[in-house]
Each structure stands twice: as structure tokens, then as C-alpha cells.
N, C-alpha and C. Protein backbone atom coordinates (compact mmCIF):
# COMPACT_ATOMS: atom_id res chain seq x y z
N MET A 1 102.33 93.09 95.61
CA MET A 1 102.21 94.11 97.01
C MET A 1 100.99 93.58 97.28
N PRO A 2 100.68 92.57 98.87
CA PRO A 2 99.90 92.43 99.02
C PRO A 2 99.05 93.04 99.79
N ILE A 3 98.96 95.10 99.47
CA ILE A 3 98.39 95.98 100.00
C ILE A 3 97.66 96.91 99.19
N ASN A 4 96.93 96.76 98.23
CA ASN A 4 96.15 97.28 96.68
C ASN A 4 95.38 98.46 97.46
N VAL A 5 95.62 99.69 96.35
CA VAL A 5 95.06 101.04 96.84
C VAL A 5 93.65 101.00 95.97
N THR A 6 92.93 101.54 96.15
CA THR A 6 91.45 101.44 95.68
C THR A 6 90.71 103.09 95.66
N LEU A 7 91.66 103.75 95.59
CA LEU A 7 91.34 105.75 95.14
C LEU A 7 90.21 105.03 93.60
N ASP A 8 91.27 105.24 92.32
CA ASP A 8 90.31 105.13 91.25
C ASP A 8 88.87 104.22 91.86
N ILE A 9 88.53 103.60 92.20
CA ILE A 9 87.24 102.88 92.33
C ILE A 9 86.73 103.77 92.72
N MET A 10 87.12 104.52 93.91
CA MET A 10 86.01 105.43 95.08
C MET A 10 85.82 106.19 94.27
N LEU A 11 86.93 107.29 93.55
CA LEU A 11 86.75 108.46 92.25
C LEU A 11 85.52 108.56 91.60
N ALA A 12 85.85 106.57 90.96
CA ALA A 12 84.57 107.15 89.74
C ALA A 12 82.84 106.35 91.00
N LYS A 13 82.98 106.29 91.77
CA LYS A 13 81.83 105.65 92.56
C LYS A 13 81.27 107.39 93.05
N ARG A 14 82.51 108.34 93.54
CA ARG A 14 81.96 109.60 93.54
C ARG A 14 82.01 110.16 92.56
N LYS A 15 82.31 109.75 91.50
CA LYS A 15 82.37 110.77 90.08
C LYS A 15 83.26 111.68 90.10
N MET A 16 83.96 111.80 91.07
CA MET A 16 84.91 113.08 91.32
C MET A 16 86.88 112.87 90.26
N ALA A 17 86.51 113.59 89.70
CA ALA A 17 88.18 113.58 88.67
C ALA A 17 89.38 113.84 89.49
N LEU A 18 90.19 113.04 89.86
CA LEU A 18 91.49 113.19 90.24
C LEU A 18 92.38 114.70 90.56
N ASN A 19 91.80 115.41 89.84
CA ASN A 19 92.89 117.18 90.25
C ASN A 19 91.44 117.36 91.17
N LYS A 20 89.95 117.64 91.21
CA LYS A 20 89.58 117.55 92.15
C LYS A 20 88.94 117.19 93.60
N LEU A 21 89.45 116.51 93.83
CA LEU A 21 89.87 116.02 94.74
C LEU A 21 91.21 116.58 95.53
N SER A 22 92.48 115.90 94.49
CA SER A 22 93.69 117.01 94.78
C SER A 22 93.11 118.31 95.46
N GLU A 23 92.21 119.07 94.99
CA GLU A 23 92.21 120.55 95.55
C GLU A 23 91.30 120.34 96.58
N LYS A 24 90.98 119.40 97.39
CA LYS A 24 90.02 119.31 98.01
C LYS A 24 91.04 118.37 99.16
N VAL A 25 92.25 117.92 99.10
CA VAL A 25 92.86 117.42 100.45
C VAL A 25 93.83 117.90 100.31
N GLY A 26 94.82 119.03 99.40
CA GLY A 26 95.73 119.97 99.47
C GLY A 26 97.42 118.45 99.02
N VAL A 27 96.80 117.53 98.29
CA VAL A 27 98.06 116.65 98.00
C VAL A 27 97.95 116.93 96.55
N THR A 28 99.55 116.93 95.70
CA THR A 28 99.43 117.07 95.00
C THR A 28 99.04 116.07 93.60
N PRO A 29 98.54 116.22 92.04
CA PRO A 29 97.84 115.32 91.54
C PRO A 29 98.92 114.02 90.94
N SER A 30 100.09 114.40 91.33
CA SER A 30 100.78 113.92 90.68
C SER A 30 101.53 112.90 92.05
N ASN A 31 101.22 113.32 93.12
CA ASN A 31 101.40 112.45 94.46
C ASN A 31 99.94 111.35 94.39
N LEU A 32 98.96 111.73 93.72
CA LEU A 32 97.53 111.26 94.30
C LEU A 32 97.73 110.34 92.87
N SER A 33 97.81 110.66 91.50
CA SER A 33 99.04 109.50 90.15
C SER A 33 99.43 108.87 91.19
N ILE A 34 100.42 108.63 91.41
CA ILE A 34 101.11 107.45 92.36
C ILE A 34 100.52 106.89 93.60
N LEU A 35 99.43 107.21 94.21
CA LEU A 35 98.64 106.26 95.13
C LEU A 35 97.14 105.40 94.25
N LYS A 36 96.66 106.20 93.50
CA LYS A 36 96.21 105.63 92.29
C LYS A 36 96.92 103.97 91.83
N THR A 37 98.22 104.63 91.79
CA THR A 37 98.22 103.67 90.65
C THR A 37 98.93 102.43 90.75
N GLY A 38 99.19 102.53 92.82
CA GLY A 38 99.39 101.49 93.46
C GLY A 38 101.11 101.22 93.44
N LYS A 39 101.98 102.91 93.12
CA LYS A 39 103.05 102.92 93.07
C LYS A 39 104.05 103.41 94.14
N ALA A 40 102.90 104.03 95.06
CA ALA A 40 103.19 104.39 96.21
C ALA A 40 103.80 103.40 97.25
N ARG A 41 104.74 103.60 98.42
CA ARG A 41 105.35 103.35 99.03
C ARG A 41 104.62 102.82 100.70
N GLY A 42 103.77 103.94 100.62
CA GLY A 42 103.14 104.36 102.15
C GLY A 42 102.30 105.42 101.86
N VAL A 43 101.65 105.90 103.11
CA VAL A 43 100.54 106.60 102.50
C VAL A 43 100.75 107.30 104.73
N ARG A 44 100.85 109.07 104.25
CA ARG A 44 100.27 108.57 106.00
C ARG A 44 98.91 109.18 106.37
N PHE A 45 98.76 108.90 107.64
CA PHE A 45 97.45 109.41 107.83
C PHE A 45 97.07 110.33 108.05
N SER A 46 97.58 111.26 108.22
CA SER A 46 96.82 112.43 107.74
C SER A 46 96.46 112.87 106.75
N THR A 47 96.96 112.51 105.44
CA THR A 47 96.91 111.65 103.98
C THR A 47 95.51 111.07 104.02
N LEU A 48 95.41 110.41 104.42
CA LEU A 48 94.52 108.65 104.68
C LEU A 48 93.07 109.78 104.96
N GLU A 49 93.79 110.65 106.02
CA GLU A 49 92.28 111.37 106.75
C GLU A 49 91.46 112.13 105.84
N LYS A 50 92.58 113.40 104.83
CA LYS A 50 92.02 114.07 104.45
C LYS A 50 91.22 113.27 103.16
N LEU A 51 91.21 112.07 102.97
CA LEU A 51 91.24 111.66 101.23
C LEU A 51 89.70 110.71 101.89
N CYS A 52 89.56 110.20 103.58
CA CYS A 52 88.12 109.89 103.64
C CYS A 52 87.01 110.48 103.60
N GLY A 53 87.80 112.14 104.20
CA GLY A 53 87.05 113.12 104.64
C GLY A 53 86.52 114.03 103.08
N ALA A 54 86.95 113.83 101.93
CA ALA A 54 86.88 114.43 100.71
C ALA A 54 85.98 113.60 99.93
N LEU A 55 86.27 112.29 100.18
CA LEU A 55 85.43 110.90 99.57
C LEU A 55 84.26 110.54 99.88
N ASP A 56 84.03 110.51 101.54
CA ASP A 56 83.15 110.52 102.76
C ASP A 56 83.20 109.64 102.91
N CYS A 57 83.88 108.57 102.95
CA CYS A 57 84.56 107.12 103.53
C CYS A 57 85.07 106.62 104.02
N GLN A 58 85.62 105.47 104.13
CA GLN A 58 86.69 104.83 105.71
C GLN A 58 87.73 104.00 104.88
N PRO A 59 88.81 104.07 105.79
CA PRO A 59 90.31 103.66 104.82
C PRO A 59 89.93 102.67 104.28
N GLY A 60 89.07 101.30 104.91
CA GLY A 60 88.82 100.12 104.42
C GLY A 60 88.55 100.51 103.07
N ASP A 61 87.15 101.18 102.80
CA ASP A 61 87.13 101.80 101.34
C ASP A 61 88.30 101.61 100.08
N LEU A 62 89.18 102.44 100.66
CA LEU A 62 90.37 102.71 99.74
C LEU A 62 91.76 101.90 100.41
N LEU A 63 91.81 100.99 100.53
CA LEU A 63 92.95 100.20 100.66
C LEU A 63 92.08 98.52 100.84
N GLU A 64 93.22 97.65 100.26
CA GLU A 64 92.16 96.34 100.71
C GLU A 64 93.78 95.35 100.62
N TYR A 65 93.29 94.34 101.39
CA TYR A 65 94.83 93.39 101.40
C TYR A 65 94.46 92.10 100.91
N LEU A 66 95.58 91.82 99.71
CA LEU A 66 95.72 90.66 99.07
C LEU A 66 96.22 89.40 99.12
N PRO A 67 96.41 88.54 99.80
CA PRO A 67 97.26 87.78 100.44
C PRO A 67 97.80 87.11 99.62
N ALA A 68 99.26 87.07 99.58
CA ALA A 68 100.24 86.25 97.97
C ALA A 68 99.99 85.20 98.05
N ASP A 69 99.91 84.44 96.66
CA ASP A 69 99.32 83.30 96.05
C ASP A 69 100.22 81.83 97.03
N GLY A 70 98.87 80.84 97.75
CA GLY A 70 100.41 80.49 98.08
C GLY A 70 99.68 80.85 99.42
N GLN A 71 99.63 82.32 100.27
CA GLN A 71 99.62 81.93 101.81
C GLN A 71 98.27 82.62 102.49
N ASP A 72 98.06 81.50 103.17
CA ASP A 72 96.55 80.84 103.70
C ASP A 72 96.87 81.94 105.08
N ASP A 73 98.28 81.93 105.95
CA ASP A 73 97.93 82.59 107.18
C ASP A 73 98.75 83.99 106.92
N PRO A 74 98.43 85.28 106.73
CA PRO A 74 99.09 86.39 106.50
C PRO A 74 99.83 86.29 107.75
N CYS A 75 99.96 86.29 109.14
CA CYS A 75 100.95 86.01 110.47
C CYS A 75 101.38 85.03 110.80
N PRO A 76 101.47 84.01 110.02
CA PRO A 76 102.27 82.23 111.08
C PRO A 76 102.71 82.62 112.23
N GLU A 77 103.50 83.79 112.38
CA GLU A 77 103.85 83.75 113.66
C GLU A 77 103.09 83.81 114.74
N LEU A 78 102.41 84.24 114.63
CA LEU A 78 101.23 84.81 115.49
C LEU A 78 100.45 83.62 115.48
N GLY A 79 100.20 82.42 115.13
CA GLY A 79 99.21 81.56 114.66
C GLY A 79 99.43 80.26 116.37
N ALA A 80 98.81 79.26 116.14
CA ALA A 80 98.44 78.28 117.18
C ALA A 80 100.67 78.09 117.71
N GLU A 81 100.44 77.72 119.02
CA GLU A 81 102.26 77.24 119.56
C GLU A 81 101.65 75.97 119.40
N ALA A 82 102.75 75.45 119.41
CA ALA A 82 102.93 73.65 119.02
C ALA A 82 103.19 73.36 120.65
């Protein structure tokens, strides 16, 4: 998947356990674990907002875009017109 969740890195930087984050944001540890391991298929903006507030970070600190191998332009349909 081209979107990588870096929640584990931010937790380590903040020296915070997943259970503590769970208490702060009101999301179950199992759901946070699914997000942390990259198995989530999506994340609500309200959850992202809570995570950013609890971790004192920006959404870009928790999510990164990794283009697929050999893919230069992530949106070729938006490229230059012929």
C-alpha cells in the first residue's frame, strides 16, 4: 500500500505506550494496533485529529506516501496535456 502509517515511530519519539495513547484518544488498543501495523484500510479525520492532539504532531508525522515501485507520477491523469 502506498500510504505508510508511522504511528509506532511517533509513539517511540514521545516515549508513550499504545495503552496510554488509547486512554488519551478514546480508541481501543486493538484498533490502534491495527492502525499501527498498517492493516487499517482507512482512518477517520476525527481519529487523526485526536491522535495529533495527544501526540502533539501533524498528520504528516503519522502518514507518509510511498509510491509503488517504478511509479514516478502518482497522478498521471493530472499531468501535462498532449
